[in-house]
Amino acid sequence: SGPDLTVDVKKIGDRPSGKTEPTVPL
């Protein structure tokens, strides 16, 4: 009985990834 469930999916964090190659001058 009653209504269906709903779901809220909220992204609260998004830290990007990647790489500075070790051969780069810095």
mmCIF file of all heavy atoms, coordinates in Angstrom:
data_MODEL
# 
_entry.id   MODEL 
# 
loop_
_atom_site.group_PDB 
_atom_site.id 
_atom_site.type_symbol 
_atom_site.label_atom_id 
_atom_site.label_alt_id 
_atom_site.label_comp_id 
_atom_site.label_asym_id 
_atom_site.label_entity_id 
_atom_site.label_seq_id 
_atom_site.pdbx_PDB_ins_code 
_atom_site.Cartn_x 
_atom_site.Cartn_y 
_atom_site.Cartn_z 
_atom_site.occupancy 
_atom_site.B_iso_or_equiv 
_atom_site.pdbx_formal_charge 
_atom_site.auth_seq_id 
_atom_site.auth_comp_id 
_atom_site.auth_asym_id 
_atom_site.auth_atom_id 
_atom_site.pdbx_PDB_model_num 
ATOM 1   N N   . SER A 1 1  ? 0.849  -1.194 0.000   1.00 0.00 ? 1  SER A N   1 
ATOM 2   C CA  . SER A 1 1  ? 0.000  0.000  0.000   1.00 0.00 ? 1  SER A CA  1 
ATOM 3   C C   . SER A 1 1  ? 0.882  1.241  0.000   1.00 0.00 ? 1  SER A C   1 
ATOM 4   O O   . SER A 1 1  ? 2.089  1.155  0.239   1.00 0.00 ? 1  SER A O   1 
ATOM 5   C CB  . SER A 1 1  ? -0.917 0.014  1.236   1.00 0.00 ? 1  SER A CB  1 
ATOM 6   O OG  . SER A 1 1  ? -0.142 0.103  2.428   1.00 0.00 ? 1  SER A OG  1 
ATOM 7   N N   . GLY A 1 2  ? 0.262  2.386  -0.285  1.00 0.00 ? 2  GLY A N   1 
ATOM 8   C CA  . GLY A 1 2  ? 0.975  3.652  -0.233  1.00 0.00 ? 2  GLY A CA  1 
ATOM 9   C C   . GLY A 1 2  ? 1.797  3.934  -1.474  1.00 0.00 ? 2  GLY A C   1 
ATOM 10  O O   . GLY A 1 2  ? 1.849  3.127  -2.414  1.00 0.00 ? 2  GLY A O   1 
ATOM 11  N N   . PRO A 1 3  ? 2.476  5.078  -1.469  1.00 0.00 ? 3  PRO A N   1 
ATOM 12  C CA  . PRO A 1 3  ? 3.268  5.501  -2.622  1.00 0.00 ? 3  PRO A CA  1 
ATOM 13  C C   . PRO A 1 3  ? 4.592  4.766  -2.716  1.00 0.00 ? 3  PRO A C   1 
ATOM 14  O O   . PRO A 1 3  ? 5.061  4.157  -1.748  1.00 0.00 ? 3  PRO A O   1 
ATOM 15  C CB  . PRO A 1 3  ? 3.489  6.990  -2.362  1.00 0.00 ? 3  PRO A CB  1 
ATOM 16  C CG  . PRO A 1 3  ? 3.493  7.104  -0.867  1.00 0.00 ? 3  PRO A CG  1 
ATOM 17  C CD  . PRO A 1 3  ? 2.479  6.106  -0.393  1.00 0.00 ? 3  PRO A CD  1 
ATOM 18  N N   . ASP A 1 4  ? 5.201  4.837  -3.889  1.00 0.00 ? 4  ASP A N   1 
ATOM 19  C CA  . ASP A 1 4  ? 6.536  4.272  -4.092  1.00 0.00 ? 4  ASP A CA  1 
ATOM 20  C C   . ASP A 1 4  ? 7.587  5.082  -3.336  1.00 0.00 ? 4  ASP A C   1 
ATOM 21  O O   . ASP A 1 4  ? 7.407  6.283  -3.059  1.00 0.00 ? 4  ASP A O   1 
ATOM 22  C CB  . ASP A 1 4  ? 6.901  4.285  -5.575  1.00 0.00 ? 4  ASP A CB  1 
ATOM 23  C CG  . ASP A 1 4  ? 6.239  3.158  -6.350  1.00 0.00 ? 4  ASP A CG  1 
ATOM 24  O OD1 . ASP A 1 4  ? 5.647  2.269  -5.707  1.00 0.00 ? 4  ASP A OD1 1 
ATOM 25  O OD2 . ASP A 1 4  ? 6.319  3.189  -7.593  1.00 0.00 ? 4  ASP A OD2 1 
ATOM 26  N N   . LEU A 1 5  ? 8.679  4.418  -3.042  1.00 0.00 ? 5  LEU A N   1 
ATOM 27  C CA  . LEU A 1 5  ? 9.868  5.135  -2.579  1.00 0.00 ? 5  LEU A CA  1 
ATOM 28  C C   . LEU A 1 5  ? 10.457 5.934  -3.735  1.00 0.00 ? 5  LEU A C   1 
ATOM 29  O O   . LEU A 1 5  ? 10.333 5.559  -4.900  1.00 0.00 ? 5  LEU A O   1 
ATOM 30  C CB  . LEU A 1 5  ? 10.933 4.154  -2.099  1.00 0.00 ? 5  LEU A CB  1 
ATOM 31  C CG  . LEU A 1 5  ? 10.752 3.401  -0.792  1.00 0.00 ? 5  LEU A CG  1 
ATOM 32  C CD1 . LEU A 1 5  ? 11.964 2.505  -0.568  1.00 0.00 ? 5  LEU A CD1 1 
ATOM 33  C CD2 . LEU A 1 5  ? 10.573 4.350  0.370   1.00 0.00 ? 5  LEU A CD2 1 
ATOM 34  N N   . THR A 1 6  ? 11.171 7.020  -3.396  1.00 0.00 ? 6  THR A N   1 
ATOM 35  C CA  . THR A 1 6  ? 11.989 7.745  -4.354  1.00 0.00 ? 6  THR A CA  1 
ATOM 36  C C   . THR A 1 6  ? 13.415 7.776  -3.807  1.00 0.00 ? 6  THR A C   1 
ATOM 37  O O   . THR A 1 6  ? 13.648 7.486  -2.625  1.00 0.00 ? 6  THR A O   1 
ATOM 38  C CB  . THR A 1 6  ? 11.486 9.186  -4.567  1.00 0.00 ? 6  THR A CB  1 
ATOM 39  O OG1 . THR A 1 6  ? 11.538 9.895  -3.314  1.00 0.00 ? 6  THR A OG1 1 
ATOM 40  C CG2 . THR A 1 6  ? 10.061 9.190  -5.119  1.00 0.00 ? 6  THR A CG2 1 
ATOM 41  N N   . VAL A 1 7  ? 14.346 8.132  -4.653  1.00 0.00 ? 7  VAL A N   1 
ATOM 42  C CA  . VAL A 1 7  ? 15.723 8.235  -4.186  1.00 0.00 ? 7  VAL A CA  1 
ATOM 43  C C   . VAL A 1 7  ? 16.355 9.504  -4.739  1.00 0.00 ? 7  VAL A C   1 
ATOM 44  O O   . VAL A 1 7  ? 16.135 9.879  -5.890  1.00 0.00 ? 7  VAL A O   1 
ATOM 45  C CB  . VAL A 1 7  ? 16.559 6.993  -4.596  1.00 0.00 ? 7  VAL A CB  1 
ATOM 46  C CG1 . VAL A 1 7  ? 16.711 6.892  -6.108  1.00 0.00 ? 7  VAL A CG1 1 
ATOM 47  C CG2 . VAL A 1 7  ? 17.931 7.004  -3.922  1.00 0.00 ? 7  VAL A CG2 1 
ATOM 48  N N   . ASP A 1 8  ? 17.106 10.174 -3.895  1.00 0.00 ? 8  ASP A N   1 
ATOM 49  C CA  . ASP A 1 8  ? 17.845 11.376 -4.271  1.00 0.00 ? 8  ASP A CA  1 
ATOM 50  C C   . ASP A 1 8  ? 19.328 11.049 -4.194  1.00 0.00 ? 8  ASP A C   1 
ATOM 51  O O   . ASP A 1 8  ? 19.830 10.683 -3.122  1.00 0.00 ? 8  ASP A O   1 
ATOM 52  C CB  . ASP A 1 8  ? 17.498 12.530 -3.327  1.00 0.00 ? 8  ASP A CB  1 
ATOM 53  C CG  . ASP A 1 8  ? 18.304 13.787 -3.631  1.00 0.00 ? 8  ASP A CG  1 
ATOM 54  O OD1 . ASP A 1 8  ? 18.364 14.177 -4.814  1.00 0.00 ? 8  ASP A OD1 1 
ATOM 55  O OD2 . ASP A 1 8  ? 18.891 14.372 -2.695  1.00 0.00 ? 8  ASP A OD2 1 
ATOM 56  N N   . VAL A 1 9  ? 20.006 11.141 -5.319  1.00 0.00 ? 9  VAL A N   1 
ATOM 57  C CA  . VAL A 1 9  ? 21.444 10.857 -5.379  1.00 0.00 ? 9  VAL A CA  1 
ATOM 58  C C   . VAL A 1 9  ? 22.163 12.186 -5.582  1.00 0.00 ? 9  VAL A C   1 
ATOM 59  O O   . VAL A 1 9  ? 22.110 12.776 -6.657  1.00 0.00 ? 9  VAL A O   1 
ATOM 60  C CB  . VAL A 1 9  ? 21.769 9.884  -6.530  1.00 0.00 ? 9  VAL A CB  1 
ATOM 61  C CG1 . VAL A 1 9  ? 23.265 9.616  -6.578  1.00 0.00 ? 9  VAL A CG1 1 
ATOM 62  C CG2 . VAL A 1 9  ? 20.998 8.577  -6.359  1.00 0.00 ? 9  VAL A CG2 1 
ATOM 63  N N   . LYS A 1 10 ? 22.826 12.645 -4.542  1.00 0.00 ? 10 LYS A N   1 
ATOM 64  C CA  . LYS A 1 10 ? 23.485 13.952 -4.580  1.00 0.00 ? 10 LYS A CA  1 
ATOM 65  C C   . LYS A 1 10 ? 24.994 13.801 -4.457  1.00 0.00 ? 10 LYS A C   1 
ATOM 66  O O   . LYS A 1 10 ? 25.493 13.232 -3.478  1.00 0.00 ? 10 LYS A O   1 
ATOM 67  C CB  . LYS A 1 10 ? 22.968 14.844 -3.445  1.00 0.00 ? 10 LYS A CB  1 
ATOM 68  C CG  . LYS A 1 10 ? 23.560 16.251 -3.432  1.00 0.00 ? 10 LYS A CG  1 
ATOM 69  C CD  . LYS A 1 10 ? 23.006 17.067 -2.281  1.00 0.00 ? 10 LYS A CD  1 
ATOM 70  C CE  . LYS A 1 10 ? 23.599 18.473 -2.272  1.00 0.00 ? 10 LYS A CE  1 
ATOM 71  N NZ  . LYS A 1 10 ? 23.074 19.269 -1.123  1.00 0.00 ? 10 LYS A NZ  1 
ATOM 72  N N   . LYS A 1 11 ? 25.705 14.289 -5.446  1.00 0.00 ? 11 LYS A N   1 
ATOM 73  C CA  . LYS A 1 11 ? 27.175 14.257 -5.375  1.00 0.00 ? 11 LYS A CA  1 
ATOM 74  C C   . LYS A 1 11 ? 27.632 15.395 -4.472  1.00 0.00 ? 11 LYS A C   1 
ATOM 75  O O   . LYS A 1 11 ? 27.341 16.557 -4.733  1.00 0.00 ? 11 LYS A O   1 
ATOM 76  C CB  . LYS A 1 11 ? 27.796 14.385 -6.757  1.00 0.00 ? 11 LYS A CB  1 
ATOM 77  C CG  . LYS A 1 11 ? 29.315 14.242 -6.745  1.00 0.00 ? 11 LYS A CG  1 
ATOM 78  C CD  . LYS A 1 11 ? 29.916 14.319 -8.147  1.00 0.00 ? 11 LYS A CD  1 
ATOM 79  C CE  . LYS A 1 11 ? 29.840 12.994 -8.862  1.00 0.00 ? 11 LYS A CE  1 
ATOM 80  N NZ  . LYS A 1 11 ? 30.605 12.997 -10.137 1.00 0.00 ? 11 LYS A NZ  1 
ATOM 81  N N   . ILE A 1 12 ? 28.338 15.062 -3.401  1.00 0.00 ? 12 ILE A N   1 
ATOM 82  C CA  . ILE A 1 12 ? 28.799 16.075 -2.449  1.00 0.00 ? 12 ILE A CA  1 
ATOM 83  C C   . ILE A 1 12 ? 30.309 16.279 -2.509  1.00 0.00 ? 12 ILE A C   1 
ATOM 84  O O   . ILE A 1 12 ? 30.856 17.091 -1.758  1.00 0.00 ? 12 ILE A O   1 
ATOM 85  C CB  . ILE A 1 12 ? 28.371 15.707 -1.017  1.00 0.00 ? 12 ILE A CB  1 
ATOM 86  C CG1 . ILE A 1 12 ? 28.914 14.339 -0.608  1.00 0.00 ? 12 ILE A CG1 1 
ATOM 87  C CG2 . ILE A 1 12 ? 26.853 15.754 -0.886  1.00 0.00 ? 12 ILE A CG2 1 
ATOM 88  C CD1 . ILE A 1 12 ? 28.633 13.958 0.848   1.00 0.00 ? 12 ILE A CD1 1 
ATOM 89  N N   . GLY A 1 13 ? 30.972 15.545 -3.379  1.00 0.00 ? 13 GLY A N   1 
ATOM 90  C CA  . GLY A 1 13 ? 32.411 15.713 -3.530  1.00 0.00 ? 13 GLY A CA  1 
ATOM 91  C C   . GLY A 1 13 ? 32.890 15.161 -4.850  1.00 0.00 ? 13 GLY A C   1 
ATOM 92  O O   . GLY A 1 13 ? 32.467 14.088 -5.266  1.00 0.00 ? 13 GLY A O   1 
ATOM 93  N N   . ASP A 1 14 ? 33.742 15.931 -5.516  1.00 0.00 ? 14 ASP A N   1 
ATOM 94  C CA  . ASP A 1 14 ? 34.273 15.503 -6.815  1.00 0.00 ? 14 ASP A CA  1 
ATOM 95  C C   . ASP A 1 14 ? 35.681 16.061 -6.949  1.00 0.00 ? 14 ASP A C   1 
ATOM 96  O O   . ASP A 1 14 ? 35.874 17.198 -7.372  1.00 0.00 ? 14 ASP A O   1 
ATOM 97  C CB  . ASP A 1 14 ? 33.374 16.007 -7.945  1.00 0.00 ? 14 ASP A CB  1 
ATOM 98  C CG  . ASP A 1 14 ? 33.806 15.468 -9.311  1.00 0.00 ? 14 ASP A CG  1 
ATOM 99  O OD1 . ASP A 1 14 ? 34.890 14.873 -9.398  1.00 0.00 ? 14 ASP A OD1 1 
ATOM 100 O OD2 . ASP A 1 14 ? 33.052 15.662 -10.286 1.00 0.00 ? 14 ASP A OD2 1 
ATOM 101 N N   . ARG A 1 15 ? 36.646 15.267 -6.531  1.00 0.00 ? 15 ARG A N   1 
ATOM 102 C CA  . ARG A 1 15 ? 38.050 15.681 -6.624  1.00 0.00 ? 15 ARG A CA  1 
ATOM 103 C C   . ARG A 1 15 ? 38.672 15.006 -7.843  1.00 0.00 ? 15 ARG A C   1 
ATOM 104 O O   . ARG A 1 15 ? 38.708 13.774 -7.912  1.00 0.00 ? 15 ARG A O   1 
ATOM 105 C CB  . ARG A 1 15 ? 38.815 15.292 -5.351  1.00 0.00 ? 15 ARG A CB  1 
ATOM 106 C CG  . ARG A 1 15 ? 38.351 16.068 -4.124  1.00 0.00 ? 15 ARG A CG  1 
ATOM 107 C CD  . ARG A 1 15 ? 39.087 15.609 -2.879  1.00 0.00 ? 15 ARG A CD  1 
ATOM 108 N NE  . ARG A 1 15 ? 38.699 16.428 -1.732  1.00 0.00 ? 15 ARG A NE  1 
ATOM 109 C CZ  . ARG A 1 15 ? 39.559 17.073 -0.941  1.00 0.00 ? 15 ARG A CZ  1 
ATOM 110 N NH1 . ARG A 1 15 ? 40.862 17.004 -1.174  1.00 0.00 ? 15 ARG A NH1 1 
ATOM 111 N NH2 . ARG A 1 15 ? 39.134 17.786 0.079   1.00 0.00 ? 15 ARG A NH2 1 
ATOM 112 N N   . PRO A 1 16 ? 39.145 15.775 -8.788  1.00 0.00 ? 16 PRO A N   1 
ATOM 113 C CA  . PRO A 1 16 ? 39.684 15.186 -10.012 1.00 0.00 ? 16 PRO A CA  1 
ATOM 114 C C   . PRO A 1 16 ? 41.006 14.476 -9.779  1.00 0.00 ? 16 PRO A C   1 
ATOM 115 O O   . PRO A 1 16 ? 41.724 14.769 -8.818  1.00 0.00 ? 16 PRO A O   1 
ATOM 116 C CB  . PRO A 1 16 ? 39.866 16.402 -10.924 1.00 0.00 ? 16 PRO A CB  1 
ATOM 117 C CG  . PRO A 1 16 ? 40.108 17.537 -9.985  1.00 0.00 ? 16 PRO A CG  1 
ATOM 118 C CD  . PRO A 1 16 ? 39.244 17.241 -8.787  1.00 0.00 ? 16 PRO A CD  1 
ATOM 119 N N   . SER A 1 17 ? 41.309 13.548 -10.642 1.00 0.00 ? 17 SER A N   1 
ATOM 120 C CA  . SER A 1 17 ? 42.567 12.805 -10.553 1.00 0.00 ? 17 SER A CA  1 
ATOM 121 C C   . SER A 1 17 ? 43.426 13.111 -11.770 1.00 0.00 ? 17 SER A C   1 
ATOM 122 O O   . SER A 1 17 ? 43.008 13.801 -12.696 1.00 0.00 ? 17 SER A O   1 
ATOM 123 C CB  . SER A 1 17 ? 42.290 11.301 -10.459 1.00 0.00 ? 17 SER A CB  1 
ATOM 124 O OG  . SER A 1 17 ? 41.501 10.876 -11.546 1.00 0.00 ? 17 SER A OG  1 
ATOM 125 N N   . GLY A 1 18 ? 44.620 12.571 -11.777 1.00 0.00 ? 18 GLY A N   1 
ATOM 126 C CA  . GLY A 1 18 ? 45.524 12.796 -12.902 1.00 0.00 ? 18 GLY A CA  1 
ATOM 127 C C   . GLY A 1 18 ? 46.970 12.651 -12.467 1.00 0.00 ? 18 GLY A C   1 
ATOM 128 O O   . GLY A 1 18 ? 47.259 12.238 -11.334 1.00 0.00 ? 18 GLY A O   1 
ATOM 129 N N   . LYS A 1 19 ? 47.878 13.023 -13.345 1.00 0.00 ? 19 LYS A N   1 
ATOM 130 C CA  . LYS A 1 19 ? 49.299 12.813 -13.073 1.00 0.00 ? 19 LYS A CA  1 
ATOM 131 C C   . LYS A 1 19 ? 50.147 13.849 -13.776 1.00 0.00 ? 19 LYS A C   1 
ATOM 132 O O   . LYS A 1 19 ? 49.927 14.169 -14.944 1.00 0.00 ? 19 LYS A O   1 
ATOM 133 C CB  . LYS A 1 19 ? 49.704 11.410 -13.558 1.00 0.00 ? 19 LYS A CB  1 
ATOM 134 C CG  . LYS A 1 19 ? 51.160 11.025 -13.352 1.00 0.00 ? 19 LYS A CG  1 
ATOM 135 C CD  . LYS A 1 19 ? 51.406 9.596  -13.841 1.00 0.00 ? 19 LYS A CD  1 
ATOM 136 C CE  . LYS A 1 19 ? 52.828 9.140  -13.585 1.00 0.00 ? 19 LYS A CE  1 
ATOM 137 N NZ  . LYS A 1 19 ? 53.047 7.743  -14.028 1.00 0.00 ? 19 LYS A NZ  1 
ATOM 138 N N   . THR A 1 20 ? 51.088 14.431 -13.051 1.00 0.00 ? 20 THR A N   1 
ATOM 139 C CA  . THR A 1 20 ? 52.158 15.205 -13.661 1.00 0.00 ? 20 THR A CA  1 
ATOM 140 C C   . THR A 1 20 ? 53.326 14.247 -13.843 1.00 0.00 ? 20 THR A C   1 
ATOM 141 O O   . THR A 1 20 ? 53.852 13.709 -12.861 1.00 0.00 ? 20 THR A O   1 
ATOM 142 C CB  . THR A 1 20 ? 52.579 16.392 -12.766 1.00 0.00 ? 20 THR A CB  1 
ATOM 143 O OG1 . THR A 1 20 ? 51.468 17.272 -12.580 1.00 0.00 ? 20 THR A OG1 1 
ATOM 144 C CG2 . THR A 1 20 ? 53.723 17.174 -13.411 1.00 0.00 ? 20 THR A CG2 1 
ATOM 145 N N   . GLU A 1 21 ? 53.680 13.992 -15.059 1.00 0.00 ? 21 GLU A N   1 
ATOM 146 C CA  . GLU A 1 21 ? 54.718 12.994 -15.335 1.00 0.00 ? 21 GLU A CA  1 
ATOM 147 C C   . GLU A 1 21 ? 56.018 13.341 -14.608 1.00 0.00 ? 21 GLU A C   1 
ATOM 148 O O   . GLU A 1 21 ? 56.402 14.515 -14.525 1.00 0.00 ? 21 GLU A O   1 
ATOM 149 C CB  . GLU A 1 21 ? 54.985 12.897 -16.838 1.00 0.00 ? 21 GLU A CB  1 
ATOM 150 C CG  . GLU A 1 21 ? 53.833 12.322 -17.641 1.00 0.00 ? 21 GLU A CG  1 
ATOM 151 C CD  . GLU A 1 21 ? 53.542 10.862 -17.303 1.00 0.00 ? 21 GLU A CD  1 
ATOM 152 O OE1 . GLU A 1 21 ? 54.468 10.169 -16.798 1.00 0.00 ? 21 GLU A OE1 1 
ATOM 153 O OE2 . GLU A 1 21 ? 52.394 10.423 -17.526 1.00 0.00 ? 21 GLU A OE2 1 
ATOM 154 N N   . PRO A 1 22 ? 56.707 12.335 -14.064 1.00 0.00 ? 22 PRO A N   1 
ATOM 155 C CA  . PRO A 1 22 ? 57.939 12.595 -13.308 1.00 0.00 ? 22 PRO A CA  1 
ATOM 156 C C   . PRO A 1 22 ? 59.070 13.181 -14.135 1.00 0.00 ? 22 PRO A C   1 
ATOM 157 O O   . PRO A 1 22 ? 60.043 13.675 -13.578 1.00 0.00 ? 22 PRO A O   1 
ATOM 158 C CB  . PRO A 1 22 ? 58.309 11.213 -12.765 1.00 0.00 ? 22 PRO A CB  1 
ATOM 159 C CG  . PRO A 1 22 ? 57.564 10.236 -13.587 1.00 0.00 ? 22 PRO A CG  1 
ATOM 160 C CD  . PRO A 1 22 ? 56.317 10.916 -14.047 1.00 0.00 ? 22 PRO A CD  1 
ATOM 161 N N   . THR A 1 23 ? 58.942 13.135 -15.465 1.00 0.00 ? 23 THR A N   1 
ATOM 162 C CA  . THR A 1 23 ? 59.962 13.742 -16.326 1.00 0.00 ? 23 THR A CA  1 
ATOM 163 C C   . THR A 1 23 ? 59.728 15.233 -16.541 1.00 0.00 ? 23 THR A C   1 
ATOM 164 O O   . THR A 1 23 ? 60.595 15.916 -17.104 1.00 0.00 ? 23 THR A O   1 
ATOM 165 C CB  . THR A 1 23 ? 59.962 13.040 -17.695 1.00 0.00 ? 23 THR A CB  1 
ATOM 166 O OG1 . THR A 1 23 ? 58.630 13.049 -18.229 1.00 0.00 ? 23 THR A OG1 1 
ATOM 167 C CG2 . THR A 1 23 ? 60.450 11.609 -17.562 1.00 0.00 ? 23 THR A CG2 1 
ATOM 168 N N   . VAL A 1 24 ? 58.582 15.749 -16.108 1.00 0.00 ? 24 VAL A N   1 
ATOM 169 C CA  . VAL A 1 24 ? 58.273 17.175 -16.266 1.00 0.00 ? 24 VAL A CA  1 
ATOM 170 C C   . VAL A 1 24 ? 59.256 17.991 -15.425 1.00 0.00 ? 24 VAL A C   1 
ATOM 171 O O   . VAL A 1 24 ? 59.592 17.611 -14.295 1.00 0.00 ? 24 VAL A O   1 
ATOM 172 C CB  . VAL A 1 24 ? 56.815 17.445 -15.838 1.00 0.00 ? 24 VAL A CB  1 
ATOM 173 C CG1 . VAL A 1 24 ? 56.548 18.935 -15.687 1.00 0.00 ? 24 VAL A CG1 1 
ATOM 174 C CG2 . VAL A 1 24 ? 55.858 16.832 -16.856 1.00 0.00 ? 24 VAL A CG2 1 
ATOM 175 N N   . PRO A 1 25 ? 59.745 19.117 -15.937 1.00 0.00 ? 25 PRO A N   1 
ATOM 176 C CA  . PRO A 1 25 ? 60.750 19.899 -15.206 1.00 0.00 ? 25 PRO A CA  1 
ATOM 177 C C   . PRO A 1 25 ? 60.391 20.219 -13.759 1.00 0.00 ? 25 PRO A C   1 
ATOM 178 O O   . PRO A 1 25 ? 61.251 20.143 -12.881 1.00 0.00 ? 25 PRO A O   1 
ATOM 179 C CB  . PRO A 1 25 ? 60.866 21.177 -16.050 1.00 0.00 ? 25 PRO A CB  1 
ATOM 180 C CG  . PRO A 1 25 ? 60.579 20.717 -17.441 1.00 0.00 ? 25 PRO A CG  1 
ATOM 181 C CD  . PRO A 1 25 ? 59.515 19.674 -17.291 1.00 0.00 ? 25 PRO A CD  1 
ATOM 182 N N   . LEU A 1 26 ? 59.134 20.555 -13.475 1.00 0.00 ? 26 LEU A N   1 
ATOM 183 C CA  . LEU A 1 26 ? 58.752 20.893 -12.106 1.00 0.00 ? 26 LEU A CA  1 
ATOM 184 C C   . LEU A 1 26 ? 59.002 19.726 -11.155 1.00 0.00 ? 26 LEU A C   1 
ATOM 185 O O   . LEU A 1 26 ? 59.535 19.910 -10.051 1.00 0.00 ? 26 LEU A O   1 
ATOM 186 C CB  . LEU A 1 26 ? 57.268 21.302 -12.056 1.00 0.00 ? 26 LEU A CB  1 
ATOM 187 C CG  . LEU A 1 26 ? 56.704 21.611 -10.667 1.00 0.00 ? 26 LEU A CG  1 
ATOM 188 C CD1 . LEU A 1 26 ? 57.470 22.745 -10.002 1.00 0.00 ? 26 LEU A CD1 1 
ATOM 189 C CD2 . LEU A 1 26 ? 55.217 21.951 -10.761 1.00 0.00 ? 26 LEU A CD2 1 
# 
